[in-house]
Amino acid sequence: MTAAMDLRRKLEILADAAKYDASCASSGTDKRDSQQGGIGSTEGMGICHAYAPDGRCISLLKVLLTNACIYDCAYCINRATSNVPRARFTVRELVDLTLDFYRRNYIEGLFLSSGIIRSPDYTMERLVEVARLLREEHGFRGYIHLKTIPDAAPELLAEAGRHADRLSINVELPQEDSLRALAPEKDLSEIRRSMARMRLRMEEAKEARQTARRAAPPRFAPAGQSTQMIIGADASDDRAVLGTTANLYGSYGLKRVYFSAYSPIPDASRLLPPEAPPLVREHRLYQADWLLRFYGFSLEEIMAGGEGGMLDLGIDPKLAWALRHRGDFPVDVNRAPRERLLRVPGLGAKTVDRLLAARRHRAIRSEDLARLRLPLSKLLPFLVTADHRPRVTDRLDLRALVAPRTGFARPVQMSLL
C-alpha cells in the first residue's frame, strides 16, 4: 500500500469516527481573513458541514487525531475493548491535510477531537501542536475548534485557547450516576472544574480586550466553549437533560449544549438500551434548548407541555406550551410587547424583531405575514392582526389543526473523499 493510500485510509476511518461528535458549529469568533498575509478565513462558503446560528454555511474538516483510546466508555464505538479498525494521524499529517483541503476550497476550518492515547496530557499536547503549527508556522486564519480533555494539565488547556476559536469538553451524559456507571474513567467534577477554568480565562480575555489601549490583548477562545450530551444511553428523562443544560449555561457561560441521540454499537454493554431513542427526541430537545436561551422560557414552562418528564414528540415544545395555555392567546401582533410575541407558535426571534420594526410604520395584516413565508396555519389561530381575529383557541381539535404533518430526517456528515 502506498503512503498516499495509507493517508486516505486513515482519513476514511477517522473522519467517519468523528461523525458521532455533534458539537462542531462554528459561529461567534473573531472575523479574520488573509488579505494582509497568511492563509484561510473564518468567513466564506464551501462544502457544508455545519450551520452557524446566523444561517451561514460553514465547512469544517471534522476528524479525530486517533480513534484509539485507553478509556472503555460503554457507549463509545471507539472504546478500548471495541473491535473497530484503528488509525492515527501524525501532527504533520493533520496540518498538511487541513491546508490541502483549504487550498482546494473544500473547508474553511478544522474541528479536531481524539481518543485518549497514553495519557490525557500526551493527547492534548498533540491536539494543541496541530493548532499551533497551523497558526504560527502557516499563518492559518481559518476557524479552529478543539475538543479538549478535562484531565489534561491546565497549562495545556490554556495554550489550546490561545490557538483555537472554540473549545469544548463533553459532559457525555446528563447525570453523574450514569457517567460513573458507563464511563468510570471520567470524572464529572473534573469536567466541571475544567469548564470553570476556561470560563474564567475567557472572561479575563474579554475584559482585557475591552480595556486594552495599544498592545493587542491576549487571545483565548473568542467563540467560547460548548459541550455535548448523549441522549437515550441512560434512563434520564427530558427534564433531567434540560435541567443539566440550564445549569451548564448558567454556571459556565456555554455557547451551546449539543445533544446526540445514542446509537447502539456492536458488542454493547448490558447497561445500555438495545435500541436507539427516536431521533425526533433529539430534535425536540434542540427546540427546547432554543426556548431556554432565546425565548425567555423557564424549564418548568417547557416541561408543562409534555408529560411524565418527557417532551411531546408530536409537536414542538412552544406549540405544546401554547396549547396548554390557551388563555394567553390570541396575541395582538400590533400591540403586544416582544416577550409576548416570542411565545406565539410560528414566530421566531428574528421575525418578531422585523414585525416590531414594521409596525412602527403601519399596522401588520395577514398578507404581511404571508410575505414573510410564515406558517400561517400554525400561526393565525394564536395571533390577532389588523384584518384577522381568531376564534378557535377553545376548539377541541385545535391541536389537529396546527400540528405539523411532516417527518424528520437526521442530518449527516458529508464525506470528504
Protein backbone atom coordinates (compact mmCIF):
# COMPACT_ATOMS: atom_id res chain seq x y z
CA MET A 1 0.00 0.00 0.00
CA THR A 2 1.39 3.43 -0.95
CA ALA A 3 1.86 6.27 1.50
CA ALA A 4 -0.92 8.20 -0.27
CA MET A 5 -3.30 5.25 0.07
CA ASP A 6 -2.26 4.94 3.71
CA LEU A 7 -3.29 8.53 4.35
CA ARG A 8 -6.58 8.07 2.52
CA ARG A 9 -7.45 5.05 4.64
CA LYS A 10 -6.66 6.97 7.83
CA LEU A 11 -8.96 9.74 6.68
CA GLU A 12 -11.75 7.29 5.90
CA ILE A 13 -11.55 5.80 9.40
CA LEU A 14 -11.01 8.98 11.41
CA ALA A 15 -13.47 11.20 9.55
CA ASP A 16 -16.13 8.50 9.96
CA ALA A 17 -15.29 8.12 13.67
CA ALA A 18 -15.73 11.88 14.17
CA LYS A 19 -19.35 11.85 12.99
CA TYR A 20 -20.55 10.92 16.49
CA ASP A 21 -19.47 14.30 17.84
CA ALA A 22 -22.22 16.85 17.19
CA SER A 23 -20.60 19.93 18.72
CA CYS A 24 -18.98 21.42 15.64
CA ALA A 25 -20.91 24.61 14.90
CA SER A 26 -18.55 27.44 14.03
CA SER A 27 -20.11 30.76 14.95
CA GLY A 28 -19.21 33.55 17.27
CA THR A 29 -15.47 34.01 16.74
CA ASP A 30 -13.45 36.99 15.51
CA LYS A 31 -13.75 37.95 11.84
CA ARG A 32 -10.37 37.25 10.23
CA ASP A 33 -9.09 36.90 6.69
CA SER A 34 -5.73 36.58 4.96
CA GLN A 35 -5.83 39.70 2.78
CA GLN A 36 -2.82 41.11 4.65
CA GLY A 37 -0.96 37.79 4.80
CA GLY A 38 -1.34 34.23 6.00
CA ILE A 39 -3.89 31.73 4.75
CA GLY A 40 -7.55 30.98 5.47
CA SER A 41 -10.57 32.83 6.76
CA THR A 42 -13.30 32.46 9.37
CA GLU A 43 -15.88 33.52 6.77
CA GLY A 44 -16.97 32.40 3.31
CA MET A 45 -18.74 29.44 1.74
CA GLY A 46 -17.75 25.91 0.77
CA ILE A 47 -18.83 22.31 1.23
CA CYS A 48 -21.30 22.45 4.09
CA HIS A 49 -20.66 20.64 7.35
CA ALA A 50 -22.28 22.97 9.86
CA TYR A 51 -24.62 25.94 10.03
CA ALA A 52 -23.95 28.98 12.18
CA PRO A 53 -26.91 30.48 14.08
CA ASP A 54 -26.96 33.41 11.65
CA GLY A 55 -27.52 30.98 8.77
CA ARG A 56 -24.02 30.95 7.31
CA CYS A 57 -22.86 27.64 5.90
CA ILE A 58 -19.50 26.66 7.42
CA SER A 59 -17.27 23.90 6.10
CA LEU A 60 -15.06 22.10 8.58
CA LEU A 61 -12.62 19.25 8.32
CA LYS A 62 -14.14 17.21 11.14
CA VAL A 63 -11.76 14.47 12.14
CA LEU A 64 -10.08 12.65 15.02
CA LEU A 65 -6.37 12.62 15.71
CA THR A 66 -6.91 8.93 16.53
CA ASN A 67 -9.78 6.61 17.33
CA ALA A 68 -7.59 4.51 19.61
CA CYS A 69 -8.43 5.08 23.27
CA ILE A 70 -7.28 3.83 26.64
CA TYR A 71 -10.73 4.54 28.12
CA ASP A 72 -13.54 2.00 27.94
CA CYS A 73 -16.71 4.10 27.95
CA ALA A 74 -19.58 1.67 27.38
CA TYR A 75 -21.45 3.88 24.89
CA CYS A 76 -18.45 4.71 22.68
CA ILE A 77 -17.74 2.89 19.42
CA ASN A 78 -14.04 3.69 19.92
CA ARG A 79 -13.78 2.34 23.46
CA ALA A 80 -10.67 0.34 24.37
CA THR A 81 -12.42 -3.05 24.05
CA SER A 82 -14.20 -2.24 20.78
CA ASN A 83 -13.27 -4.31 17.74
CA VAL A 84 -13.07 -1.49 15.18
CA PRO A 85 -10.29 -0.58 12.72
CA ARG A 86 -7.87 1.83 14.36
CA ALA A 87 -5.90 4.66 12.83
CA ARG A 88 -3.81 7.61 13.94
CA PHE A 89 -2.60 10.74 12.21
CA THR A 90 0.73 12.32 12.93
CA VAL A 91 0.64 16.01 13.79
CA ARG A 92 2.24 16.88 10.47
CA GLU A 93 -0.26 14.78 8.51
CA LEU A 94 -3.19 16.63 10.07
CA VAL A 95 -1.62 20.02 9.44
CA ASP A 96 -0.93 19.16 5.80
CA LEU A 97 -4.43 17.70 5.31
CA THR A 98 -6.09 20.82 6.70
CA LEU A 99 -4.05 23.11 4.45
CA ASP A 100 -4.59 20.89 1.41
CA PHE A 101 -8.36 20.76 1.88
CA TYR A 102 -8.46 24.50 2.42
CA ARG A 103 -6.49 25.22 -0.74
CA ARG A 104 -8.93 23.06 -2.68
CA ASN A 105 -11.80 25.12 -1.23
CA TYR A 106 -13.28 22.06 0.48
CA ILE A 107 -13.18 23.56 4.00
CA GLU A 108 -12.94 26.79 5.94
CA GLY A 109 -11.75 25.39 9.22
CA LEU A 110 -10.91 22.41 11.42
CA PHE A 111 -12.82 20.53 14.10
CA LEU A 112 -10.35 18.25 15.87
CA SER A 113 -11.02 15.69 18.57
CA SER A 114 -9.33 12.47 19.63
CA GLY A 115 -9.42 9.30 21.62
CA ILE A 116 -7.09 9.25 24.62
CA ILE A 117 -3.68 7.73 23.83
CA ARG A 118 -1.03 7.08 26.50
CA SER A 119 -2.38 9.84 28.76
CA PRO A 120 -4.62 12.93 28.66
CA ASP A 121 -1.55 15.21 28.63
CA TYR A 122 0.15 13.33 25.80
CA THR A 123 -3.01 13.50 23.67
CA MET A 124 -3.74 17.15 24.46
CA GLU A 125 -0.17 18.12 23.59
CA ARG A 126 -0.66 16.75 20.09
CA LEU A 127 -4.02 18.43 19.57
CA VAL A 128 -2.52 21.74 20.63
CA GLU A 129 0.52 21.23 18.41
CA VAL A 130 -1.72 20.84 15.35
CA ALA A 131 -3.39 24.17 16.11
CA ARG A 132 -0.10 25.88 16.96
CA LEU A 133 1.59 24.82 13.72
CA LEU A 134 -1.39 25.93 11.66
CA ARG A 135 -1.42 29.34 13.32
CA GLU A 136 2.26 30.09 13.82
CA GLU A 137 4.05 28.18 11.06
CA HIS A 138 1.48 28.53 8.27
CA GLY A 139 -0.42 31.67 9.26
CA PHE A 140 -3.75 29.83 9.08
CA ARG A 141 -6.52 32.28 9.93
CA GLY A 142 -9.50 29.97 9.45
CA TYR A 143 -11.72 28.56 12.19
CA ILE A 144 -10.30 26.00 14.65
CA HIS A 145 -12.42 24.11 17.18
CA LEU A 146 -10.52 21.83 19.57
CA LYS A 147 -12.19 19.19 21.70
CA THR A 148 -10.28 19.40 24.95
CA ILE A 149 -9.51 16.75 27.54
CA PRO A 150 -10.56 17.76 31.07
CA ASP A 151 -7.89 15.66 32.78
CA ALA A 152 -5.10 17.39 30.85
CA ALA A 153 -2.86 19.89 32.60
CA PRO A 154 -4.40 23.40 32.93
CA GLU A 155 -1.45 24.95 31.06
CA LEU A 156 -2.23 22.75 28.03
CA LEU A 157 -5.87 23.88 28.07
CA ALA A 158 -4.65 27.46 28.35
CA GLU A 159 -2.42 27.02 25.30
CA ALA A 160 -5.30 25.42 23.39
CA GLY A 161 -7.37 28.55 24.00
CA ARG A 162 -4.65 30.76 22.56
CA HIS A 163 -4.82 28.99 19.20
CA ALA A 164 -8.42 27.76 18.96
CA ASP A 165 -11.55 29.79 18.25
CA ARG A 166 -13.76 27.48 20.28
CA LEU A 167 -13.04 24.84 22.90
CA SER A 168 -15.35 22.12 24.10
CA ILE A 169 -15.42 19.45 26.77
CA ASN A 170 -18.14 16.80 26.60
CA VAL A 171 -20.11 16.14 29.78
CA GLU A 172 -21.20 12.96 27.95
CA LEU A 173 -24.32 12.10 29.99
CA PRO A 174 -26.99 14.16 31.78
CA GLN A 175 -26.46 12.70 35.26
CA GLU A 176 -23.37 11.96 37.31
CA ASP A 177 -24.57 8.48 38.35
CA SER A 178 -24.92 7.49 34.70
CA LEU A 179 -21.43 8.73 33.86
CA ARG A 180 -19.98 6.83 36.79
CA ALA A 181 -21.67 3.61 35.66
CA LEU A 182 -20.99 3.87 31.90
CA ALA A 183 -17.69 5.78 31.83
CA PRO A 184 -15.91 5.10 35.14
CA GLU A 185 -12.61 6.66 33.96
CA LYS A 186 -14.31 10.04 33.54
CA ASP A 187 -14.97 12.40 36.42
CA LEU A 188 -17.82 14.91 36.13
CA SER A 189 -16.30 17.05 38.87
CA GLU A 190 -13.08 17.40 36.87
CA ILE A 191 -15.05 18.16 33.72
CA ARG A 192 -16.87 20.98 35.51
CA ARG A 193 -13.64 22.31 37.04
CA SER A 194 -12.09 22.50 33.58
CA MET A 195 -15.18 24.30 32.26
CA ALA A 196 -14.92 26.78 35.12
CA ARG A 197 -11.24 27.45 34.42
CA MET A 198 -11.99 28.02 30.76
CA ARG A 199 -14.84 30.40 31.57
CA LEU A 200 -12.53 32.40 33.84
CA ARG A 201 -9.84 32.69 31.14
CA MET A 202 -12.43 33.72 28.55
CA GLU A 203 -13.79 36.42 30.84
CA GLU A 204 -10.26 37.67 31.54
CA ALA A 205 -9.50 37.83 27.82
CA LYS A 206 -12.76 39.66 27.14
CA GLU A 207 -12.06 42.20 29.87
CA ALA A 208 -8.53 42.71 28.51
CA ARG A 209 -9.92 43.41 25.03
CA GLN A 210 -12.31 45.98 26.43
CA THR A 211 -9.62 47.82 28.41
CA ALA A 212 -6.64 47.46 26.03
CA ARG A 213 -5.40 50.72 24.56
CA ARG A 214 -2.38 49.92 22.40
CA ALA A 215 -0.95 46.43 22.79
CA ALA A 216 -3.06 43.57 21.46
CA PRO A 217 -4.68 41.77 24.42
CA PRO A 218 -4.15 38.03 24.93
CA ARG A 219 -6.47 35.84 22.87
CA PHE A 220 -8.43 32.99 24.41
CA ALA A 221 -11.13 31.02 22.55
CA PRO A 222 -13.14 34.05 21.36
CA ALA A 223 -16.01 31.81 20.20
CA GLY A 224 -16.43 30.39 23.71
CA GLN A 225 -16.93 26.82 24.83
CA SER A 226 -19.54 24.15 24.17
CA THR A 227 -20.35 20.61 25.27
CA GLN A 228 -22.32 17.55 24.23
CA MET A 229 -24.66 15.10 25.93
CA ILE A 230 -25.61 11.66 24.67
CA ILE A 231 -29.38 11.19 24.81
CA GLY A 232 -31.00 7.83 25.37
CA ALA A 233 -27.96 5.91 26.63
CA ASP A 234 -29.27 6.09 30.19
CA ALA A 235 -32.65 6.47 31.88
CA SER A 236 -32.50 10.29 32.12
CA ASP A 237 -35.76 11.90 31.05
CA ASP A 238 -36.02 15.20 29.18
CA ARG A 239 -36.49 17.13 32.41
CA ALA A 240 -33.12 15.84 33.67
CA VAL A 241 -31.46 16.59 30.32
CA LEU A 242 -32.78 20.15 30.16
CA GLY A 243 -32.14 20.74 33.86
CA THR A 244 -28.46 19.88 33.33
CA THR A 245 -28.48 22.03 30.20
CA ALA A 246 -29.82 25.07 32.03
CA ASN A 247 -27.28 24.56 34.82
CA LEU A 248 -24.39 24.40 32.34
CA TYR A 249 -25.46 27.61 30.65
CA GLY A 250 -25.84 29.41 33.96
CA SER A 251 -22.67 28.10 35.61
CA TYR A 252 -20.16 28.13 32.76
CA GLY A 253 -21.49 30.54 30.18
CA LEU A 254 -21.53 27.90 27.43
CA LYS A 255 -22.30 28.96 23.87
CA ARG A 256 -24.07 25.70 23.05
CA VAL A 257 -25.07 22.40 24.55
CA TYR A 258 -25.34 19.79 21.82
CA PHE A 259 -27.47 16.65 22.00
CA SER A 260 -26.56 13.40 20.28
CA ALA A 261 -29.03 10.53 20.17
CA TYR A 262 -27.46 7.30 21.38
CA SER A 263 -26.69 4.87 18.59
CA PRO A 264 -26.46 1.16 19.52
CA ILE A 265 -22.98 -0.24 18.97
CA PRO A 266 -21.68 -3.78 18.40
CA ASP A 267 -20.99 -5.90 21.48
CA ALA A 268 -22.66 -3.29 23.68
CA SER A 269 -22.74 -3.46 27.45
CA ARG A 270 -25.88 -4.84 29.07
CA LEU A 271 -26.17 -1.49 30.83
CA LEU A 272 -27.10 0.14 27.53
CA PRO A 273 -30.54 0.06 25.88
CA PRO A 274 -30.83 -2.29 22.89
CA GLU A 275 -32.47 0.35 20.68
CA ALA A 276 -31.79 3.96 19.83
CA PRO A 277 -34.21 6.64 21.07
CA PRO A 278 -36.45 8.22 18.42
CA LEU A 279 -34.43 10.84 16.54
CA VAL A 280 -37.27 13.31 16.94
CA ARG A 281 -36.46 13.37 20.67
CA GLU A 282 -33.08 14.92 19.86
CA HIS A 283 -34.86 17.44 17.65
CA ARG A 284 -37.34 18.40 20.39
CA LEU A 285 -34.51 18.90 22.87
CA TYR A 286 -32.80 21.30 20.49
CA GLN A 287 -36.06 23.23 20.15
CA ALA A 288 -36.43 23.34 23.94
CA ASP A 289 -32.82 24.47 24.28
CA TRP A 290 -33.60 27.35 21.91
CA LEU A 291 -36.56 28.35 24.08
CA LEU A 292 -34.34 28.38 27.16
CA ARG A 293 -31.68 30.56 25.54
CA PHE A 294 -33.56 32.98 23.31
CA TYR A 295 -37.28 32.98 24.12
CA GLY A 296 -37.43 33.53 27.86
CA PHE A 297 -38.99 30.17 28.73
CA SER A 298 -38.21 28.52 32.05
CA LEU A 299 -37.60 24.80 32.42
CA GLU A 300 -40.95 24.35 34.17
CA GLU A 301 -42.81 26.13 31.37
CA ILE A 302 -41.20 23.96 28.72
CA MET A 303 -41.90 20.74 30.59
CA ALA A 304 -45.53 21.78 31.17
CA GLY A 305 -46.19 20.95 27.52
CA GLY A 306 -45.23 17.29 28.00
CA GLU A 307 -46.00 14.51 30.43
CA GLY A 308 -44.02 12.32 32.80
CA GLY A 309 -40.82 14.33 32.46
CA MET A 310 -40.74 13.94 28.66
CA LEU A 311 -41.38 16.47 25.90
CA ASP A 312 -44.26 15.89 23.50
CA LEU A 313 -42.69 14.22 20.45
CA GLY A 314 -45.64 15.06 18.22
CA ILE A 315 -45.32 18.85 18.30
CA ASP A 316 -42.63 21.40 19.10
CA PRO A 317 -42.38 22.50 22.76
CA LYS A 318 -43.53 26.07 22.13
CA LEU A 319 -46.71 24.85 20.46
CA ALA A 320 -47.18 22.28 23.24
CA TRP A 321 -46.94 25.07 25.83
CA ALA A 322 -49.37 27.27 23.88
CA LEU A 323 -51.98 24.51 23.68
CA ARG A 324 -51.76 24.12 27.48
CA HIS A 325 -52.08 27.91 27.99
CA ARG A 326 -54.82 28.89 25.56
CA GLY A 327 -55.97 31.66 27.89
CA ASP A 328 -52.82 33.62 26.99
CA PHE A 329 -53.94 33.81 23.35
CA PRO A 330 -54.64 35.30 20.90
CA VAL A 331 -51.81 37.87 20.97
CA ASP A 332 -52.15 41.14 19.05
CA VAL A 333 -49.18 41.47 16.68
CA ASN A 334 -49.67 45.25 16.54
CA ARG A 335 -49.77 45.87 20.29
CA ALA A 336 -48.08 43.06 22.22
CA PRO A 337 -44.55 43.51 23.65
CA ARG A 338 -41.66 41.47 22.30
CA GLU A 339 -41.70 38.93 25.15
CA ARG A 340 -45.34 38.01 24.42
CA LEU A 341 -44.80 37.75 20.66
CA LEU A 342 -41.89 35.38 21.29
CA ARG A 343 -44.39 32.96 22.83
CA VAL A 344 -46.57 32.75 19.73
CA PRO A 345 -46.12 29.41 17.88
CA GLY A 346 -44.61 30.02 14.46
CA LEU A 347 -42.83 33.28 15.31
CA GLY A 348 -39.05 33.20 15.58
CA ALA A 349 -36.91 35.79 17.34
CA LYS A 350 -35.68 37.45 14.15
CA THR A 351 -39.20 37.56 12.71
CA VAL A 352 -40.51 39.19 15.89
CA ASP A 353 -37.86 41.89 15.60
CA ARG A 354 -38.85 42.54 11.98
CA LEU A 355 -42.52 42.79 12.93
CA LEU A 356 -41.76 45.20 15.76
CA ALA A 357 -39.83 47.41 13.34
CA ALA A 358 -42.54 47.23 10.66
CA ARG A 359 -45.47 48.03 12.95
CA ARG A 360 -43.95 51.40 13.82
CA HIS A 361 -44.86 52.49 10.31
CA ARG A 362 -48.15 50.70 9.64
CA ALA A 363 -50.50 48.06 11.00
CA ILE A 364 -49.49 44.44 10.34
CA ARG A 365 -52.01 42.47 8.26
CA SER A 366 -52.24 38.75 7.47
CA GLU A 367 -50.82 39.35 3.99
CA ASP A 368 -47.68 40.78 5.57
CA LEU A 369 -47.18 37.52 7.45
CA ALA A 370 -47.70 35.59 4.24
CA ARG A 371 -44.99 37.63 2.51
CA LEU A 372 -42.60 36.60 5.28
CA ARG A 373 -43.39 32.96 4.42
CA LEU A 374 -44.53 32.21 7.93
CA PRO A 375 -46.54 29.04 8.71
CA LEU A 376 -49.96 30.72 8.71
CA SER A 377 -51.94 27.59 9.54
CA LYS A 378 -49.91 27.28 12.75
CA LEU A 379 -49.66 30.99 13.46
CA LEU A 380 -53.05 32.57 12.81
CA PRO A 381 -55.05 30.66 15.45
CA PHE A 382 -52.87 32.39 18.07
CA LEU A 383 -52.41 35.84 16.56
CA VAL A 384 -54.51 38.96 16.03
CA THR A 385 -53.66 41.12 13.01
CA ALA A 386 -55.29 44.28 11.62
CA ASP A 387 -57.61 42.15 9.49
CA HIS A 388 -57.83 38.90 11.46
CA ARG A 389 -59.12 37.89 14.88
CA PRO A 390 -59.15 34.13 15.55
CA ARG A 391 -61.97 32.44 17.43
CA VAL A 392 -60.63 28.90 17.56
CA THR A 393 -58.40 28.77 20.65
CA ASP A 394 -61.10 26.89 22.57
CA ARG A 395 -61.66 24.26 19.87
CA LEU A 396 -61.12 20.68 20.98
CA ASP A 397 -59.47 19.85 17.65
CA LEU A 398 -57.06 22.79 17.72
CA ARG A 399 -54.03 20.52 18.01
CA ALA A 400 -55.06 18.67 14.86
CA LEU A 401 -55.41 21.99 13.05
CA VAL A 402 -51.96 23.30 13.91
CA ALA A 403 -49.80 20.17 14.31
CA PRO A 404 -47.28 19.53 11.50
CA ARG A 405 -47.72 16.56 9.22
CA THR A 406 -44.11 16.13 8.15
CA GLY A 407 -41.47 13.73 9.39
CA PHE A 408 -37.91 14.34 10.46
CA ALA A 409 -34.63 13.34 8.93
CA ARG A 410 -31.32 13.41 10.75
CA PRO A 411 -28.58 15.47 9.08
CA VAL A 412 -25.46 13.51 8.20
CA GLN A 413 -21.81 14.47 7.86
CA MET A 414 -20.80 14.74 4.23
CA SER A 415 -17.86 12.67 3.02
CA LEU A 416 -14.65 14.50 2.17
CA LEU A 417 -13.47 11.69 -0.11
